């Protein structure tokens, strides 16, 4: 068990070496490569949303990068208000450029911000989605508490991340937040046969 944890930590450290992809010219490289590699994951999120059959409401994509998922949601679900937030100013700049190109400026909003201090009022969103971002969060407890704060009662949090992320770590952080006592749904997803094709999906719900 210890060796599995060590391998997971080593993978996380390895991924941190790719942080250059989130700033400057690296953000354009990310936009051209990672978005293509993860397109089936985004497709899966859209399929999950169709299953949910959302009415009018607000959706937040945390760690949105160049805003690909936000734009896909806006195209598939025109009744939703869709927001995206990312710590990288360069990524948000790209996201806004893409939105202008796709004539979505009036229907989506992109903000620069950190998951531990979200610039939104309490109970702002019906659904929060995060894809391949949680492994960058140094402390899960504070982000989960902040995500709880901006969820409306009955709202859901969907987190999709790499397979090496440990469910036990999520459960440990959950127990220290207002999500305590809430059922943590967990599912292993395969979206293809490439290395970037096996993910985990975590679901939490704000009850009150």
N, C-alpha and C. Protein backbone atom coordinates (compact mmCIF):
# COMPACT_ATOMS: atom_id res chain seq x y z
N UNK A 1 0.84 -1.21 0.00
CA UNK A 1 0.00 0.00 0.00
C UNK A 1 0.87 1.25 0.00
N UNK A 2 1.94 1.18 0.79
CA UNK A 2 2.85 2.32 0.85
C UNK A 2 3.47 2.58 -0.52
N UNK A 3 3.84 1.51 -1.24
CA UNK A 3 4.45 1.66 -2.55
C UNK A 3 3.49 2.28 -3.54
N UNK A 4 2.19 1.94 -3.45
CA UNK A 4 1.19 2.55 -4.33
C UNK A 4 1.11 4.05 -4.07
N UNK A 5 1.14 4.44 -2.78
CA UNK A 5 1.07 5.86 -2.44
C UNK A 5 2.28 6.60 -2.98
N UNK A 6 3.46 5.97 -2.86
CA UNK A 6 4.69 6.58 -3.34
C UNK A 6 4.65 6.76 -4.85
N UNK A 7 4.10 5.75 -5.55
CA UNK A 7 4.00 5.88 -7.01
C UNK A 7 3.07 7.02 -7.39
N UNK A 8 1.95 7.15 -6.66
CA UNK A 8 1.00 8.23 -6.93
C UNK A 8 1.64 9.59 -6.71
N UNK A 9 2.40 9.72 -5.62
CA UNK A 9 3.06 10.99 -5.34
C UNK A 9 4.12 11.30 -6.39
N UNK A 10 4.82 10.27 -6.85
CA UNK A 10 5.83 10.47 -7.88
C UNK A 10 5.19 10.95 -9.17
N UNK A 11 4.02 10.39 -9.52
CA UNK A 11 3.32 10.82 -10.73
C UNK A 11 2.86 12.26 -10.60
N UNK A 12 2.39 12.64 -9.42
CA UNK A 12 1.96 14.01 -9.20
C UNK A 12 3.12 14.98 -9.35
N UNK A 13 4.30 14.60 -8.79
CA UNK A 13 5.48 15.46 -8.94
C UNK A 13 5.89 15.56 -10.39
N UNK A 14 5.80 14.44 -11.11
CA UNK A 14 6.14 14.45 -12.54
C UNK A 14 5.23 15.39 -13.30
N UNK A 15 3.94 15.34 -13.01
CA UNK A 15 2.99 16.21 -13.70
C UNK A 15 3.25 17.68 -13.38
N UNK A 16 3.73 17.96 -12.17
CA UNK A 16 3.99 19.35 -11.80
C UNK A 16 5.08 19.95 -12.66
N UNK A 17 5.93 19.11 -13.26
CA UNK A 17 6.97 19.61 -14.15
C UNK A 17 6.38 20.21 -15.42
N UNK A 18 5.11 19.93 -15.68
CA UNK A 18 4.47 20.43 -16.89
C UNK A 18 3.74 21.74 -16.63
N UNK A 19 4.00 22.37 -15.50
CA UNK A 19 3.32 23.62 -15.18
C UNK A 19 3.62 24.73 -16.19
N UNK A 20 4.74 24.60 -16.92
CA UNK A 20 5.06 25.60 -17.93
C UNK A 20 4.00 25.66 -19.01
N UNK A 21 3.20 24.59 -19.11
CA UNK A 21 2.14 24.55 -20.13
C UNK A 21 0.99 25.49 -19.82
N UNK A 22 0.96 26.06 -18.62
CA UNK A 22 -0.17 26.88 -18.22
C UNK A 22 0.09 28.38 -18.35
N UNK A 23 1.29 28.75 -18.78
CA UNK A 23 1.62 30.18 -18.91
C UNK A 23 2.32 30.44 -20.23
N UNK A 24 2.25 31.68 -20.68
CA UNK A 24 2.98 32.11 -21.88
C UNK A 24 2.69 31.24 -23.09
N UNK A 25 3.75 30.93 -23.84
CA UNK A 25 3.59 30.09 -25.03
C UNK A 25 3.13 28.69 -24.69
N UNK A 26 3.44 28.28 -23.45
CA UNK A 26 3.03 26.94 -23.04
C UNK A 26 1.53 26.75 -23.06
N UNK A 27 0.78 27.82 -22.80
CA UNK A 27 -0.68 27.71 -22.81
C UNK A 27 -1.20 27.38 -24.21
N UNK A 28 -0.51 27.89 -25.24
CA UNK A 28 -0.90 27.58 -26.61
C UNK A 28 -0.59 26.11 -26.94
N UNK A 29 0.55 25.62 -26.41
CA UNK A 29 0.89 24.21 -26.61
C UNK A 29 -0.16 23.32 -25.96
N UNK A 30 -0.55 23.69 -24.75
CA UNK A 30 -1.60 22.95 -24.04
C UNK A 30 -2.89 22.95 -24.84
N UNK A 31 -3.23 24.09 -25.38
CA UNK A 31 -4.47 24.24 -26.14
C UNK A 31 -4.47 23.32 -27.36
N UNK A 32 -3.31 23.12 -27.96
CA UNK A 32 -3.21 22.32 -29.18
C UNK A 32 -3.04 20.83 -28.91
N UNK A 33 -2.52 20.47 -27.74
CA UNK A 33 -2.21 19.06 -27.48
C UNK A 33 -3.13 18.43 -26.44
N UNK A 34 -3.09 18.93 -25.22
CA UNK A 34 -3.85 18.30 -24.14
C UNK A 34 -5.34 18.29 -24.41
N UNK A 35 -5.84 19.35 -25.02
CA UNK A 35 -7.28 19.41 -25.29
C UNK A 35 -7.68 18.28 -26.24
N UNK A 36 -6.82 17.97 -27.20
CA UNK A 36 -7.11 16.86 -28.12
C UNK A 36 -7.05 15.53 -27.41
N UNK A 37 -6.06 15.36 -26.52
CA UNK A 37 -5.89 14.11 -25.81
C UNK A 37 -7.05 13.82 -24.86
N UNK A 38 -7.68 14.87 -24.38
CA UNK A 38 -8.74 14.70 -23.39
C UNK A 38 -10.14 14.95 -23.96
N UNK A 39 -10.25 15.02 -25.27
CA UNK A 39 -11.54 15.36 -25.88
C UNK A 39 -12.62 14.34 -25.54
N UNK A 40 -12.23 13.06 -25.39
CA UNK A 40 -13.24 12.04 -25.05
C UNK A 40 -13.70 12.17 -23.61
N UNK A 41 -12.84 12.70 -22.75
CA UNK A 41 -13.27 12.98 -21.38
C UNK A 41 -14.31 14.08 -21.39
N UNK A 42 -14.08 15.14 -22.16
CA UNK A 42 -15.07 16.21 -22.27
C UNK A 42 -16.38 15.67 -22.83
N UNK A 43 -16.25 14.77 -23.80
CA UNK A 43 -17.46 14.16 -24.37
C UNK A 43 -18.22 13.39 -23.30
N UNK A 44 -17.49 12.71 -22.41
CA UNK A 44 -18.13 11.97 -21.33
C UNK A 44 -18.87 12.91 -20.38
N UNK A 45 -18.27 14.07 -20.09
CA UNK A 45 -18.93 15.05 -19.22
C UNK A 45 -20.25 15.51 -19.86
N UNK A 46 -20.21 15.76 -21.15
CA UNK A 46 -21.42 16.17 -21.86
C UNK A 46 -22.48 15.07 -21.78
N UNK A 47 -22.07 13.81 -21.93
CA UNK A 47 -23.01 12.69 -21.82
C UNK A 47 -23.61 12.63 -20.41
N UNK A 48 -22.77 12.85 -19.40
CA UNK A 48 -23.28 12.86 -18.02
C UNK A 48 -24.28 13.99 -17.82
N UNK A 49 -24.03 15.12 -18.45
CA UNK A 49 -24.96 16.25 -18.34
C UNK A 49 -26.29 15.93 -19.01
N UNK A 50 -26.24 15.26 -20.14
CA UNK A 50 -27.48 14.87 -20.81
C UNK A 50 -28.29 13.95 -19.91
N UNK A 51 -27.62 13.06 -19.19
CA UNK A 51 -28.30 12.16 -18.26
C UNK A 51 -28.98 12.95 -17.14
N UNK A 52 -28.32 14.02 -16.72
CA UNK A 52 -28.87 14.86 -15.65
C UNK A 52 -30.09 15.64 -16.11
N UNK A 53 -30.19 15.91 -17.43
CA UNK A 53 -31.29 16.67 -18.02
C UNK A 53 -31.50 18.01 -17.29
N UNK A 54 -30.50 18.86 -17.33
CA UNK A 54 -30.60 20.13 -16.58
C UNK A 54 -31.58 21.10 -17.21
N UNK A 55 -32.30 21.82 -16.36
CA UNK A 55 -33.11 22.93 -16.84
C UNK A 55 -32.26 24.18 -16.81
N UNK A 56 -32.89 25.32 -16.68
CA UNK A 56 -32.13 26.56 -16.57
C UNK A 56 -31.33 26.54 -15.28
N UNK A 57 -30.11 27.03 -15.32
CA UNK A 57 -29.28 27.05 -14.13
C UNK A 57 -27.88 27.51 -14.45
N UNK A 58 -27.02 27.48 -13.45
CA UNK A 58 -25.64 27.93 -13.59
C UNK A 58 -24.67 26.78 -13.37
N UNK A 59 -23.66 26.72 -14.25
CA UNK A 59 -22.62 25.69 -14.17
C UNK A 59 -21.27 26.38 -14.09
N UNK A 60 -20.40 25.89 -13.23
CA UNK A 60 -19.04 26.41 -13.10
C UNK A 60 -18.04 25.32 -13.43
N UNK A 61 -17.08 25.63 -14.31
CA UNK A 61 -15.98 24.73 -14.63
C UNK A 61 -14.73 25.26 -13.92
N UNK A 62 -14.21 24.50 -12.96
CA UNK A 62 -13.06 24.92 -12.16
C UNK A 62 -11.78 24.35 -12.77
N UNK A 63 -10.80 25.22 -13.02
CA UNK A 63 -9.60 24.81 -13.72
C UNK A 63 -9.89 24.64 -15.20
N UNK A 64 -10.57 25.63 -15.74
CA UNK A 64 -11.12 25.51 -17.10
C UNK A 64 -10.08 25.51 -18.21
N UNK A 65 -8.84 25.97 -17.91
CA UNK A 65 -7.82 26.03 -18.95
C UNK A 65 -8.27 26.95 -20.07
N UNK A 66 -8.16 26.53 -21.33
CA UNK A 66 -8.60 27.37 -22.45
C UNK A 66 -10.11 27.36 -22.68
N UNK A 67 -10.86 26.83 -21.72
CA UNK A 67 -12.32 26.95 -21.78
C UNK A 67 -13.04 25.99 -22.69
N UNK A 68 -12.39 24.90 -23.06
CA UNK A 68 -13.00 23.96 -24.01
C UNK A 68 -14.30 23.38 -23.49
N UNK A 69 -14.30 22.92 -22.24
CA UNK A 69 -15.51 22.30 -21.70
C UNK A 69 -16.63 23.32 -21.54
N UNK A 70 -16.30 24.53 -21.12
CA UNK A 70 -17.32 25.58 -20.99
C UNK A 70 -18.02 25.81 -22.32
N UNK A 71 -17.25 25.89 -23.37
CA UNK A 71 -17.83 26.15 -24.69
C UNK A 71 -18.67 24.98 -25.17
N UNK A 72 -18.22 23.77 -24.90
CA UNK A 72 -18.99 22.59 -25.28
C UNK A 72 -20.33 22.56 -24.55
N UNK A 73 -20.30 22.85 -23.25
CA UNK A 73 -21.54 22.88 -22.49
C UNK A 73 -22.48 23.94 -23.04
N UNK A 74 -21.94 25.11 -23.36
CA UNK A 74 -22.76 26.20 -23.90
C UNK A 74 -23.41 25.81 -25.22
N UNK A 75 -22.68 25.08 -26.06
CA UNK A 75 -23.24 24.66 -27.34
C UNK A 75 -24.33 23.61 -27.16
N UNK A 76 -24.13 22.68 -26.24
CA UNK A 76 -25.08 21.58 -26.06
C UNK A 76 -26.28 21.96 -25.20
N UNK A 77 -26.08 22.92 -24.29
CA UNK A 77 -27.13 23.28 -23.34
C UNK A 77 -27.32 24.80 -23.31
N UNK A 78 -27.96 25.36 -24.33
CA UNK A 78 -28.10 26.81 -24.42
C UNK A 78 -28.91 27.42 -23.28
N UNK A 79 -29.64 26.60 -22.52
CA UNK A 79 -30.45 27.10 -21.41
C UNK A 79 -29.60 27.39 -20.16
N UNK A 80 -28.35 26.94 -20.16
CA UNK A 80 -27.49 27.09 -18.99
C UNK A 80 -26.61 28.33 -19.08
N UNK A 81 -26.35 28.96 -17.94
CA UNK A 81 -25.31 29.98 -17.82
C UNK A 81 -24.04 29.25 -17.41
N UNK A 82 -22.97 29.43 -18.20
CA UNK A 82 -21.76 28.64 -17.97
C UNK A 82 -20.58 29.57 -17.65
N UNK A 83 -19.91 29.26 -16.55
CA UNK A 83 -18.75 30.03 -16.09
C UNK A 83 -17.53 29.12 -16.08
N UNK A 84 -16.37 29.73 -16.32
CA UNK A 84 -15.12 29.01 -16.20
C UNK A 84 -14.11 29.84 -15.43
N UNK A 85 -13.34 29.20 -14.58
CA UNK A 85 -12.34 29.92 -13.81
C UNK A 85 -11.02 29.17 -13.84
N UNK A 86 -9.94 29.92 -13.89
CA UNK A 86 -8.61 29.32 -13.92
C UNK A 86 -7.62 30.29 -13.30
N UNK A 87 -6.58 29.73 -12.70
CA UNK A 87 -5.55 30.55 -12.06
C UNK A 87 -4.64 31.23 -13.07
N UNK A 88 -4.57 30.66 -14.28
CA UNK A 88 -3.67 31.17 -15.31
C UNK A 88 -4.33 32.28 -16.14
N UNK A 89 -3.74 33.45 -16.10
CA UNK A 89 -4.23 34.57 -16.90
C UNK A 89 -4.15 34.26 -18.39
N UNK A 90 -3.09 33.54 -18.80
CA UNK A 90 -2.92 33.19 -20.21
C UNK A 90 -4.03 32.24 -20.69
N UNK A 91 -4.39 31.29 -19.83
CA UNK A 91 -5.46 30.36 -20.19
C UNK A 91 -6.79 31.09 -20.34
N UNK A 92 -7.08 31.99 -19.43
CA UNK A 92 -8.34 32.73 -19.51
C UNK A 92 -8.36 33.62 -20.74
N UNK A 93 -7.22 34.19 -21.09
CA UNK A 93 -7.14 34.99 -22.32
C UNK A 93 -7.49 34.13 -23.53
N UNK A 94 -6.92 32.92 -23.59
CA UNK A 94 -7.24 32.00 -24.69
C UNK A 94 -8.72 31.63 -24.68
N UNK A 95 -9.26 31.36 -23.50
CA UNK A 95 -10.67 30.97 -23.39
C UNK A 95 -11.58 32.06 -23.92
N UNK A 96 -11.27 33.31 -23.59
CA UNK A 96 -12.10 34.43 -24.07
C UNK A 96 -11.95 34.61 -25.58
N UNK A 97 -10.76 34.38 -26.10
CA UNK A 97 -10.56 34.46 -27.56
C UNK A 97 -11.40 33.41 -28.27
N UNK A 98 -11.38 32.19 -27.78
CA UNK A 98 -12.17 31.11 -28.39
C UNK A 98 -13.66 31.43 -28.31
N UNK A 99 -14.10 31.96 -27.18
CA UNK A 99 -15.51 32.30 -27.03
C UNK A 99 -15.94 33.36 -28.03
N UNK A 100 -15.07 34.34 -28.25
CA UNK A 100 -15.38 35.38 -29.26
C UNK A 100 -15.47 34.76 -30.64
N UNK A 101 -14.53 33.89 -30.95
CA UNK A 101 -14.50 33.25 -32.27
C UNK A 101 -15.76 32.40 -32.51
N UNK A 102 -16.25 31.79 -31.45
CA UNK A 102 -17.42 30.93 -31.58
C UNK A 102 -18.72 31.67 -31.26
N UNK A 103 -18.62 32.99 -31.11
CA UNK A 103 -19.78 33.86 -30.85
C UNK A 103 -20.54 33.42 -29.60
N UNK A 104 -19.77 33.15 -28.55
CA UNK A 104 -20.36 32.73 -27.28
C UNK A 104 -20.15 33.76 -26.16
N UNK A 105 -19.65 34.92 -26.52
CA UNK A 105 -19.33 35.93 -25.51
C UNK A 105 -20.50 36.27 -24.60
N UNK A 106 -21.69 36.27 -25.16
CA UNK A 106 -22.87 36.66 -24.38
C UNK A 106 -23.38 35.53 -23.48
N UNK A 107 -22.86 34.31 -23.71
CA UNK A 107 -23.44 33.16 -23.01
C UNK A 107 -22.48 32.48 -22.04
N UNK A 108 -21.21 32.88 -22.05
CA UNK A 108 -20.25 32.28 -21.13
C UNK A 108 -19.46 33.39 -20.44
N UNK A 109 -18.88 33.07 -19.30
CA UNK A 109 -18.06 34.04 -18.59
C UNK A 109 -16.81 33.34 -18.06
N UNK A 110 -15.66 33.95 -18.28
CA UNK A 110 -14.39 33.40 -17.82
C UNK A 110 -13.75 34.36 -16.82
N UNK A 111 -13.28 33.81 -15.71
CA UNK A 111 -12.68 34.61 -14.66
C UNK A 111 -11.33 34.03 -14.24
N UNK A 112 -10.44 34.91 -13.84
CA UNK A 112 -9.15 34.50 -13.28
C UNK A 112 -9.33 34.36 -11.77
N UNK A 113 -8.98 33.23 -11.23
CA UNK A 113 -9.15 33.04 -9.79
C UNK A 113 -8.69 31.68 -9.33
N UNK A 114 -8.60 31.54 -8.02
CA UNK A 114 -8.10 30.33 -7.37
C UNK A 114 -9.26 29.57 -6.75
N UNK A 115 -9.19 28.25 -6.78
CA UNK A 115 -10.25 27.41 -6.23
C UNK A 115 -10.40 27.60 -4.73
N UNK A 116 -9.37 28.08 -4.06
CA UNK A 116 -9.47 28.28 -2.61
C UNK A 116 -10.10 29.62 -2.25
N UNK A 117 -10.26 30.52 -3.24
CA UNK A 117 -10.91 31.81 -3.01
C UNK A 117 -11.72 32.17 -4.25
N UNK A 118 -12.84 31.54 -4.42
CA UNK A 118 -13.64 31.76 -5.62
C UNK A 118 -14.36 33.11 -5.56
N UNK A 119 -14.35 33.88 -6.65
CA UNK A 119 -14.93 35.23 -6.64
C UNK A 119 -16.44 35.24 -6.92
N UNK A 120 -17.16 34.33 -6.26
CA UNK A 120 -18.60 34.23 -6.49
C UNK A 120 -19.33 34.22 -5.14
N UNK A 121 -20.56 34.73 -5.12
CA UNK A 121 -21.34 34.72 -3.88
C UNK A 121 -21.69 33.30 -3.44
N UNK A 122 -22.12 33.17 -2.20
CA UNK A 122 -22.60 31.89 -1.69
C UNK A 122 -23.77 31.40 -2.55
N UNK A 123 -23.85 30.09 -2.72
CA UNK A 123 -24.98 29.45 -3.39
C UNK A 123 -25.22 29.99 -4.80
N UNK A 124 -24.16 30.04 -5.59
CA UNK A 124 -24.24 30.62 -6.93
C UNK A 124 -24.52 29.59 -8.03
N UNK A 125 -24.15 28.32 -7.81
CA UNK A 125 -24.15 27.36 -8.92
C UNK A 125 -24.96 26.10 -8.61
N UNK A 126 -25.61 25.59 -9.65
CA UNK A 126 -26.36 24.34 -9.55
C UNK A 126 -25.46 23.13 -9.78
N UNK A 127 -24.39 23.33 -10.54
CA UNK A 127 -23.46 22.25 -10.82
C UNK A 127 -22.06 22.83 -10.96
N UNK A 128 -21.10 22.16 -10.34
CA UNK A 128 -19.68 22.52 -10.50
C UNK A 128 -18.97 21.31 -11.07
N UNK A 129 -18.18 21.55 -12.11
CA UNK A 129 -17.42 20.50 -12.77
C UNK A 129 -15.93 20.85 -12.72
N UNK A 130 -15.10 19.84 -12.53
CA UNK A 130 -13.65 20.04 -12.60
C UNK A 130 -13.04 18.84 -13.31
N UNK A 131 -12.24 19.09 -14.34
CA UNK A 131 -11.60 18.01 -15.08
C UNK A 131 -10.08 18.17 -15.03
N UNK A 132 -9.41 17.14 -14.58
CA UNK A 132 -7.94 17.06 -14.54
C UNK A 132 -7.34 18.29 -13.87
N UNK A 133 -7.91 18.68 -12.77
CA UNK A 133 -7.42 19.84 -12.02
C UNK A 133 -7.14 19.51 -10.56
N UNK A 134 -7.90 18.58 -9.99
CA UNK A 134 -7.80 18.34 -8.55
C UNK A 134 -6.39 17.93 -8.12
N UNK A 135 -5.65 17.21 -8.96
CA UNK A 135 -4.32 16.77 -8.55
C UNK A 135 -3.34 17.94 -8.39
N UNK A 136 -3.74 19.12 -8.88
CA UNK A 136 -2.92 20.32 -8.69
C UNK A 136 -3.22 21.01 -7.36
N UNK A 137 -4.34 20.65 -6.72
CA UNK A 137 -4.72 21.31 -5.47
C UNK A 137 -3.87 20.76 -4.34
N UNK A 138 -3.10 21.63 -3.70
CA UNK A 138 -2.16 21.19 -2.67
C UNK A 138 -2.88 20.72 -1.41
N UNK A 139 -4.02 21.30 -1.13
CA UNK A 139 -4.78 20.95 0.08
C UNK A 139 -6.24 20.79 -0.33
N UNK A 140 -6.74 19.56 -0.30
CA UNK A 140 -8.09 19.31 -0.78
C UNK A 140 -9.16 19.92 0.12
N UNK A 141 -8.88 20.03 1.40
CA UNK A 141 -9.91 20.47 2.34
C UNK A 141 -10.43 21.86 2.01
N UNK A 142 -9.54 22.82 1.83
CA UNK A 142 -9.99 24.20 1.58
C UNK A 142 -10.72 24.35 0.25
N UNK A 143 -10.22 23.76 -0.85
CA UNK A 143 -10.98 23.83 -2.10
C UNK A 143 -12.37 23.20 -1.99
N UNK A 144 -12.47 22.04 -1.34
CA UNK A 144 -13.79 21.41 -1.21
C UNK A 144 -14.75 22.27 -0.40
N UNK A 145 -14.24 22.91 0.65
CA UNK A 145 -15.10 23.77 1.45
C UNK A 145 -15.57 24.98 0.64
N UNK A 146 -14.69 25.52 -0.18
CA UNK A 146 -15.04 26.67 -1.01
C UNK A 146 -16.03 26.28 -2.09
N UNK A 147 -15.86 25.10 -2.67
CA UNK A 147 -16.80 24.62 -3.68
C UNK A 147 -18.17 24.37 -3.05
N UNK A 148 -18.18 23.87 -1.84
CA UNK A 148 -19.44 23.70 -1.11
C UNK A 148 -20.13 25.05 -0.93
N UNK A 149 -19.35 26.05 -0.58
CA UNK A 149 -19.92 27.38 -0.32
C UNK A 149 -20.68 27.92 -1.52
N UNK A 150 -20.14 27.76 -2.72
CA UNK A 150 -20.76 28.37 -3.91
C UNK A 150 -21.79 27.47 -4.57
N UNK A 151 -21.97 26.24 -4.05
CA UNK A 151 -23.03 25.37 -4.55
C UNK A 151 -24.36 25.74 -3.93
N UNK A 152 -25.42 25.65 -4.72
CA UNK A 152 -26.76 25.83 -4.18
C UNK A 152 -27.22 24.53 -3.51
N UNK A 153 -28.13 24.60 -2.55
CA UNK A 153 -28.68 23.38 -1.94
C UNK A 153 -29.22 22.45 -3.03
N UNK A 154 -28.83 21.20 -2.97
CA UNK A 154 -29.21 20.24 -4.00
C UNK A 154 -28.24 20.20 -5.16
N UNK A 155 -27.30 21.15 -5.20
CA UNK A 155 -26.33 21.20 -6.28
C UNK A 155 -25.28 20.10 -6.17
N UNK A 156 -24.67 19.77 -7.29
CA UNK A 156 -23.69 18.68 -7.32
C UNK A 156 -22.31 19.18 -7.74
N UNK A 157 -21.30 18.47 -7.23
CA UNK A 157 -19.91 18.69 -7.61
C UNK A 157 -19.41 17.44 -8.31
N UNK A 158 -18.98 17.59 -9.56
CA UNK A 158 -18.41 16.49 -10.33
C UNK A 158 -16.93 16.75 -10.53
N UNK A 159 -16.10 15.83 -10.08
CA UNK A 159 -14.65 15.96 -10.24
C UNK A 159 -14.16 14.76 -11.05
N UNK A 160 -13.49 15.05 -12.16
CA UNK A 160 -12.88 14.02 -13.00
C UNK A 160 -11.36 14.23 -12.96
N UNK A 161 -10.64 13.17 -12.65
CA UNK A 161 -9.19 13.33 -12.57
C UNK A 161 -8.50 12.02 -12.92
N UNK A 162 -7.15 12.05 -12.92
CA UNK A 162 -6.38 10.87 -13.29
C UNK A 162 -6.60 9.73 -12.29
N UNK A 163 -6.31 8.53 -12.74
CA UNK A 163 -6.58 7.34 -11.93
C UNK A 163 -5.71 7.25 -10.68
N UNK A 164 -4.54 7.92 -10.66
CA UNK A 164 -3.67 7.79 -9.50
C UNK A 164 -4.17 8.59 -8.28
N UNK A 165 -5.14 9.46 -8.47
CA UNK A 165 -5.71 10.19 -7.34
C UNK A 165 -6.44 9.20 -6.42
N UNK A 166 -6.11 9.23 -5.14
CA UNK A 166 -6.63 8.24 -4.20
C UNK A 166 -7.99 8.66 -3.64
N UNK A 167 -8.93 7.73 -3.70
CA UNK A 167 -10.25 7.99 -3.14
C UNK A 167 -10.15 8.30 -1.64
N UNK A 168 -9.24 7.63 -0.96
CA UNK A 168 -9.09 7.83 0.48
C UNK A 168 -8.71 9.27 0.81
N UNK A 169 -7.91 9.88 -0.05
CA UNK A 169 -7.50 11.27 0.18
C UNK A 169 -8.70 12.21 0.03
N UNK A 170 -9.57 11.91 -0.92
CA UNK A 170 -10.77 12.72 -1.11
C UNK A 170 -11.71 12.54 0.08
N UNK A 171 -11.87 11.31 0.53
CA UNK A 171 -12.73 11.04 1.68
C UNK A 171 -12.21 11.73 2.93
N UNK A 172 -10.89 11.71 3.11
CA UNK A 172 -10.28 12.35 4.28
C UNK A 172 -10.55 13.84 4.29
N UNK A 173 -10.40 14.48 3.12
CA UNK A 173 -10.66 15.92 3.02
C UNK A 173 -12.15 16.21 3.19
N UNK A 174 -12.99 15.38 2.59
CA UNK A 174 -14.44 15.56 2.69
C UNK A 174 -14.89 15.59 4.14
N UNK A 175 -14.31 14.72 4.97
CA UNK A 175 -14.70 14.60 6.37
C UNK A 175 -14.41 15.86 7.17
N UNK A 176 -13.57 16.73 6.62
CA UNK A 176 -13.19 17.97 7.32
C UNK A 176 -13.91 19.19 6.76
N UNK A 177 -14.89 18.95 5.89
CA UNK A 177 -15.63 20.05 5.27
C UNK A 177 -17.12 19.91 5.53
N UNK A 178 -17.89 20.84 5.00
CA UNK A 178 -19.35 20.78 5.14
C UNK A 178 -19.97 19.65 4.32
N UNK A 179 -19.17 18.98 3.49
CA UNK A 179 -19.64 17.80 2.76
C UNK A 179 -19.67 16.56 3.65
N UNK A 180 -19.20 16.67 4.89
CA UNK A 180 -19.14 15.52 5.78
C UNK A 180 -20.53 14.89 5.92
N UNK A 181 -20.57 13.56 5.87
CA UNK A 181 -21.86 12.88 5.96
C UNK A 181 -22.56 12.70 4.63
N UNK A 182 -22.05 13.38 3.60
CA UNK A 182 -22.61 13.24 2.25
C UNK A 182 -22.00 12.04 1.56
N UNK A 183 -22.80 11.30 0.83
CA UNK A 183 -22.29 10.16 0.09
C UNK A 183 -21.32 10.61 -0.99
N UNK A 184 -20.13 10.02 -1.00
CA UNK A 184 -19.16 10.28 -2.06
C UNK A 184 -19.30 9.18 -3.10
N UNK A 185 -19.79 9.54 -4.26
CA UNK A 185 -19.88 8.58 -5.36
C UNK A 185 -18.55 8.52 -6.08
N UNK A 186 -18.15 7.31 -6.46
CA UNK A 186 -16.85 7.13 -7.11
C UNK A 186 -16.99 6.14 -8.25
N UNK A 187 -16.35 6.48 -9.36
CA UNK A 187 -16.46 5.63 -10.54
C UNK A 187 -15.17 5.70 -11.35
N UNK A 188 -14.72 4.55 -11.84
CA UNK A 188 -13.58 4.50 -12.74
C UNK A 188 -14.08 4.57 -14.17
N UNK A 189 -13.51 5.48 -14.95
CA UNK A 189 -13.98 5.70 -16.32
C UNK A 189 -12.88 5.36 -17.33
N UNK A 190 -13.25 4.68 -18.38
CA UNK A 190 -12.33 4.49 -19.51
C UNK A 190 -12.94 5.17 -20.72
N UNK A 191 -12.17 6.08 -21.32
CA UNK A 191 -12.68 6.84 -22.47
C UNK A 191 -11.97 6.47 -23.76
N UNK A 192 -11.11 5.44 -23.72
CA UNK A 192 -10.38 5.03 -24.91
C UNK A 192 -9.23 4.13 -24.52
N UNK A 193 -8.20 4.06 -25.37
CA UNK A 193 -7.08 3.15 -25.13
C UNK A 193 -5.74 3.88 -25.01
N UNK A 194 -5.77 5.22 -25.08
CA UNK A 194 -4.56 5.99 -24.91
C UNK A 194 -4.22 6.11 -23.43
N UNK A 195 -2.96 6.50 -23.10
CA UNK A 195 -2.62 6.70 -21.68
C UNK A 195 -3.56 7.68 -20.99
N UNK A 196 -4.00 8.72 -21.71
CA UNK A 196 -4.95 9.68 -21.16
C UNK A 196 -6.37 9.20 -21.43
N UNK A 197 -6.69 8.01 -20.94
CA UNK A 197 -8.01 7.46 -21.24
C UNK A 197 -8.64 6.76 -20.05
N UNK A 198 -7.97 6.77 -18.91
CA UNK A 198 -8.52 6.14 -17.72
C UNK A 198 -8.56 7.18 -16.61
N UNK A 199 -9.76 7.46 -16.13
CA UNK A 199 -9.96 8.53 -15.16
C UNK A 199 -10.82 8.04 -14.00
N UNK A 200 -10.89 8.88 -12.99
CA UNK A 200 -11.80 8.66 -11.89
C UNK A 200 -12.81 9.80 -11.86
N UNK A 201 -14.03 9.47 -11.44
CA UNK A 201 -15.09 10.47 -11.30
C UNK A 201 -15.60 10.44 -9.87
N UNK A 202 -15.53 11.61 -9.23
CA UNK A 202 -16.03 11.76 -7.88
C UNK A 202 -17.24 12.69 -7.91
N UNK A 203 -18.29 12.32 -7.17
CA UNK A 203 -19.51 13.14 -7.12
C UNK A 203 -19.88 13.40 -5.68
N UNK A 204 -20.08 14.68 -5.36
CA UNK A 204 -20.57 15.10 -4.05
C UNK A 204 -21.78 16.00 -4.26
N UNK A 205 -22.65 16.03 -3.27
CA UNK A 205 -23.85 16.85 -3.37
C UNK A 205 -24.02 17.70 -2.11
N UNK A 206 -24.40 18.96 -2.32
CA UNK A 206 -24.72 19.80 -1.19
C UNK A 206 -26.19 19.57 -0.84
N UNK A 207 -26.44 19.10 0.35
CA UNK A 207 -27.80 18.75 0.75
C UNK A 207 -28.55 19.99 1.25
N UNK A 208 -27.93 20.78 2.12
CA UNK A 208 -28.60 21.95 2.72
C UNK A 208 -28.02 23.25 2.19
